Amino acid sequence: MPIYEYICMKCNNKFSLLQSLSPEPKDTECPKCESTNVKKMVSAFSCASGSESDSSTAHASGFGGGGG
């Protein structure tokens, strides 16, 4: 299950939630004010590689994975 980042349009709170791949809008509410008027934000992601040569190539090109 991925972690999605949201911003609440009512109180401007930014928060993250672990949700299914296709969360329903009614299932997402702000933990601060409980509003369902939230917007999904674009967020960064990380990936791990299985071999050392893959990660050294990723670091050389400026893309750091999480698999060091």
C-alpha atoms as a PDB file:
ATOM      1  CA  MET A   1       0.000   0.000   0.000  1.00  0.00           C
ATOM      2  CA  PRO A   2       1.449   3.393  -0.994  1.00  0.00           C
ATOM      3  CA  ILE A   3       1.734   6.491   1.137  1.00  0.00           C
ATOM      4  CA  TYR A   4      -0.126   9.463  -0.342  1.00  0.00           C
ATOM      5  CA  GLU A   5       0.480  13.090   0.614  1.00  0.00           C
ATOM      6  CA  TYR A   6      -2.449  15.501   0.887  1.00  0.00           C
ATOM      7  CA  ILE A   7      -3.194  19.103   1.727  1.00  0.00           C
ATOM      8  CA  CYS A   8      -6.427  20.110   3.433  1.00  0.00           C
ATOM      9  CA  MET A   9      -8.196  22.881   1.561  1.00  0.00           C
ATOM     10  CA  LYS A  10     -10.003  23.975   4.736  1.00  0.00           C
ATOM     11  CA  CYS A  11      -7.164  24.320   7.280  1.00  0.00           C
ATOM     12  CA  ASN A  12      -4.078  24.074   4.989  1.00  0.00           C
ATOM     13  CA  ASN A  13      -2.722  21.071   6.932  1.00  0.00           C
ATOM     14  CA  LYS A  14      -0.284  18.837   5.016  1.00  0.00           C
ATOM     15  CA  PHE A  15      -0.432  15.146   5.923  1.00  0.00           C
ATOM     16  CA  SER A  16       0.432  11.653   4.669  1.00  0.00           C
ATOM     17  CA  LEU A  17      -1.736   8.537   4.679  1.00  0.00           C
ATOM     18  CA  LEU A  18      -1.052   4.877   3.969  1.00  0.00           C
ATOM     19  CA  GLN A  19      -3.918   3.908   1.642  1.00  0.00           C
ATOM     20  CA  SER A  20      -4.938   1.421  -1.021  1.00  0.00           C
ATOM     21  CA  LEU A  21      -3.913   2.039  -4.650  1.00  0.00           C
ATOM     22  CA  SER A  22      -7.229   3.716  -5.476  1.00  0.00           C
ATOM     23  CA  PRO A  23      -8.507   5.491  -2.359  1.00  0.00           C
ATOM     24  CA  GLU A  24     -12.039   6.864  -2.493  1.00  0.00           C
ATOM     25  CA  PRO A  25     -12.248  10.639  -1.886  1.00  0.00           C
ATOM     26  CA  LYS A  26     -14.767  10.038   0.926  1.00  0.00           C
ATOM     27  CA  ASP A  27     -12.199   7.805   2.692  1.00  0.00           C
ATOM     28  CA  THR A  28      -9.660  10.634   2.984  1.00  0.00           C
ATOM     29  CA  GLU A  29     -10.098  13.224   5.702  1.00  0.00           C
ATOM     30  CA  CYS A  30      -7.801  15.702   7.369  1.00  0.00           C
ATOM     31  CA  PRO A  31      -6.565  14.408  10.744  1.00  0.00           C
ATOM     32  CA  LYS A  32      -6.551  17.974  12.108  1.00  0.00           C
ATOM     33  CA  CYS A  33     -10.014  19.315  11.204  1.00  0.00           C
ATOM     34  CA  GLU A  34     -11.684  16.140   9.804  1.00  0.00           C
ATOM     35  CA  SER A  35     -12.626  17.859   6.538  1.00  0.00           C
ATOM     36  CA  THR A  36     -12.884  15.689   3.425  1.00  0.00           C
ATOM     37  CA  ASN A  37     -12.024  18.692   1.240  1.00  0.00           C
ATOM     38  CA  VAL A  38      -8.458  17.520   0.599  1.00  0.00           C
ATOM     39  CA  LYS A  39      -6.221  17.535  -2.469  1.00  0.00           C
ATOM     40  CA  LYS A  40      -3.613  14.905  -3.307  1.00  0.00           C
ATOM     41  CA  MET A  41      -0.129  16.383  -3.666  1.00  0.00           C
ATOM     42  CA  VAL A  42       2.628  15.305  -6.028  1.00  0.00           C
ATOM     43  CA  SER A  43       5.331  13.660  -3.956  1.00  0.00           C
ATOM     44  CA  ALA A  44       8.807  12.213  -4.413  1.00  0.00           C
ATOM     45  CA  PHE A  45       9.418   8.491  -4.323  1.00  0.00           C
ATOM     46  CA  SER A  46      12.317   6.177  -3.655  1.00  0.00           C
ATOM     47  CA  CYS A  47      13.219   2.785  -5.032  1.00  0.00           C
ATOM     48  CA  ALA A  48      15.802   0.180  -4.136  1.00  0.00           C
ATOM     49  CA  SER A  49      17.972  -1.717  -6.574  1.00  0.00           C
ATOM     50  CA  GLY A  50      19.175  -5.269  -6.259  1.00  0.00           C
ATOM     51  CA  SER A  51      22.822  -4.800  -7.196  1.00  0.00           C
ATOM     52  CA  GLU A  52      25.663  -2.455  -6.308  1.00  0.00           C
ATOM     53  CA  SER A  53      26.346  -1.559  -9.958  1.00  0.00           C
ATOM     54  CA  ASP A  54      22.754  -0.367 -10.368  1.00  0.00           C
ATOM     55  CA  SER A  55      22.959   1.966  -7.384  1.00  0.00           C
ATOM     56  CA  SER A  56      26.330   3.434  -8.431  1.00  0.00           C
ATOM     57  CA  THR A  57      24.862   4.231 -11.851  1.00  0.00           C
ATOM     58  CA  ALA A  58      21.832   5.825 -10.204  1.00  0.00           C
ATOM     59  CA  HIS A  59      24.008   8.006  -7.966  1.00  0.00           C
ATOM     60  CA  ALA A  60      26.223   9.052 -10.903  1.00  0.00           C
ATOM     61  CA  SER A  61      23.206  10.215 -12.873  1.00  0.00           C
ATOM     62  CA  GLY A  62      21.781  12.152  -9.927  1.00  0.00           C
ATOM     63  CA  PHE A  63      19.000   9.744  -9.037  1.00  0.00           C
ATOM     64  CA  GLY A  64      19.430   8.304  -5.579  1.00  0.00           C
ATOM     65  CA  GLY A  65      17.468   5.224  -4.725  1.00  0.00           C
ATOM     66  CA  GLY A  66      16.934   3.885  -1.268  1.00  0.00           C
ATOM     67  CA  GLY A  67      18.875   0.673  -1.709  1.00  0.00           C
ATOM     68  CA  GLY A  68      22.455   1.817  -1.313  1.00  0.00           C
END
